[in-house]
Amino acid sequence: MTPHQNTTWMVQVRTLLGQGFGVEDIAIKLECSVADVRREVEIYRQEGRIKNIARGK
């Protein structure tokens, strides 16, 4: 994780995912690498939270 990818960054990723943005769009919006966003999304999948995020919960 890079220095700017703190809790705020993680919340922004979750929020944008919940709004329907894809990882590439999120990376552009947050000015980070696609790989970083993909890693974060993979964590959500492993935790079983991706479905709730996708539903906006």
C-alpha atoms as a PDB file:
ATOM      1  CA  MET A   1       0.000   0.000   0.000  1.00  0.00           C
ATOM      2  CA  THR A   2       1.326   3.418  -0.891  1.00  0.00           C
ATOM      3  CA  PRO A   3       1.319   6.254   1.634  1.00  0.00           C
ATOM      4  CA  HIS A   4      -1.877   7.839   0.263  1.00  0.00           C
ATOM      5  CA  GLN A   5      -3.812   4.575   0.516  1.00  0.00           C
ATOM      6  CA  ASN A   6      -5.022   4.967   4.037  1.00  0.00           C
ATOM      7  CA  THR A   7      -8.436   4.469   5.576  1.00  0.00           C
ATOM      8  CA  THR A   8      -9.837   7.401   3.603  1.00  0.00           C
ATOM      9  CA  TRP A   9      -8.623   5.834   0.368  1.00  0.00           C
ATOM     10  CA  MET A  10     -10.217   2.503   1.277  1.00  0.00           C
ATOM     11  CA  VAL A  11     -13.541   4.205   2.011  1.00  0.00           C
ATOM     12  CA  GLN A  12     -13.357   5.997  -1.327  1.00  0.00           C
ATOM     13  CA  VAL A  13     -12.749   2.688  -3.133  1.00  0.00           C
ATOM     14  CA  ARG A  14     -15.757   1.095  -1.393  1.00  0.00           C
ATOM     15  CA  THR A  15     -17.948   4.110  -2.128  1.00  0.00           C
ATOM     16  CA  LEU A  16     -17.036   4.201  -5.806  1.00  0.00           C
ATOM     17  CA  LEU A  17     -17.552   0.444  -6.126  1.00  0.00           C
ATOM     18  CA  GLY A  18     -20.967   0.855  -4.557  1.00  0.00           C
ATOM     19  CA  GLN A  19     -21.763   3.540  -7.110  1.00  0.00           C
ATOM     20  CA  GLY A  20     -20.990   1.109  -9.915  1.00  0.00           C
ATOM     21  CA  PHE A  21     -17.528   2.257 -10.958  1.00  0.00           C
ATOM     22  CA  GLY A  22     -15.052  -0.347 -12.171  1.00  0.00           C
ATOM     23  CA  VAL A  23     -11.497  -0.732 -10.933  1.00  0.00           C
ATOM     24  CA  GLU A  24      -9.997   1.150 -13.876  1.00  0.00           C
ATOM     25  CA  ASP A  25     -12.310   4.126 -13.372  1.00  0.00           C
ATOM     26  CA  ILE A  26     -11.629   4.112  -9.633  1.00  0.00           C
ATOM     27  CA  ALA A  27      -7.886   4.109 -10.250  1.00  0.00           C
ATOM     28  CA  ILE A  28      -8.222   7.146 -12.512  1.00  0.00           C
ATOM     29  CA  LYS A  29     -10.459   9.002 -10.055  1.00  0.00           C
ATOM     30  CA  LEU A  30      -8.170   8.279  -7.097  1.00  0.00           C
ATOM     31  CA  GLU A  31      -4.955   8.747  -9.080  1.00  0.00           C
ATOM     32  CA  CYS A  32      -3.534   5.363  -8.149  1.00  0.00           C
ATOM     33  CA  SER A  33      -2.653   2.169  -9.949  1.00  0.00           C
ATOM     34  CA  VAL A  34      -5.260  -0.283 -11.169  1.00  0.00           C
ATOM     35  CA  ALA A  35      -3.302  -3.029  -9.414  1.00  0.00           C
ATOM     36  CA  ASP A  36      -3.780  -1.271  -6.053  1.00  0.00           C
ATOM     37  CA  VAL A  37      -7.540  -1.057  -6.553  1.00  0.00           C
ATOM     38  CA  ARG A  38      -7.691  -4.694  -7.693  1.00  0.00           C
ATOM     39  CA  ARG A  39      -5.843  -5.773  -4.543  1.00  0.00           C
ATOM     40  CA  GLU A  40      -8.332  -3.868  -2.411  1.00  0.00           C
ATOM     41  CA  VAL A  41     -11.280  -5.435  -4.242  1.00  0.00           C
ATOM     42  CA  GLU A  42      -9.728  -8.872  -3.807  1.00  0.00           C
ATOM     43  CA  ILE A  43      -9.590  -8.268  -0.046  1.00  0.00           C
ATOM     44  CA  TYR A  44     -13.316  -7.449  -0.112  1.00  0.00           C
ATOM     45  CA  ARG A  45     -13.979 -10.669  -2.031  1.00  0.00           C
ATOM     46  CA  GLN A  46     -11.984 -12.750   0.426  1.00  0.00           C
ATOM     47  CA  GLU A  47     -13.855 -11.160   3.320  1.00  0.00           C
ATOM     48  CA  GLY A  48     -17.190 -11.820   1.611  1.00  0.00           C
ATOM     49  CA  ARG A  49     -18.064  -8.128   1.550  1.00  0.00           C
ATOM     50  CA  ILE A  50     -18.036  -7.505  -2.203  1.00  0.00           C
ATOM     51  CA  LYS A  51     -21.721  -8.414  -2.655  1.00  0.00           C
ATOM     52  CA  ASN A  52     -22.816  -5.931  -0.008  1.00  0.00           C
ATOM     53  CA  ILE A  53     -20.617  -3.216  -1.478  1.00  0.00           C
ATOM     54  CA  ALA A  54     -22.007  -3.855  -4.948  1.00  0.00           C
ATOM     55  CA  ARG A  55     -25.532  -3.502  -3.534  1.00  0.00           C
ATOM     56  CA  GLY A  56     -24.591  -0.213  -1.895  1.00  0.00           C
ATOM     57  CA  LYS A  57     -24.794  -1.508   1.669  1.00  0.00           C
END
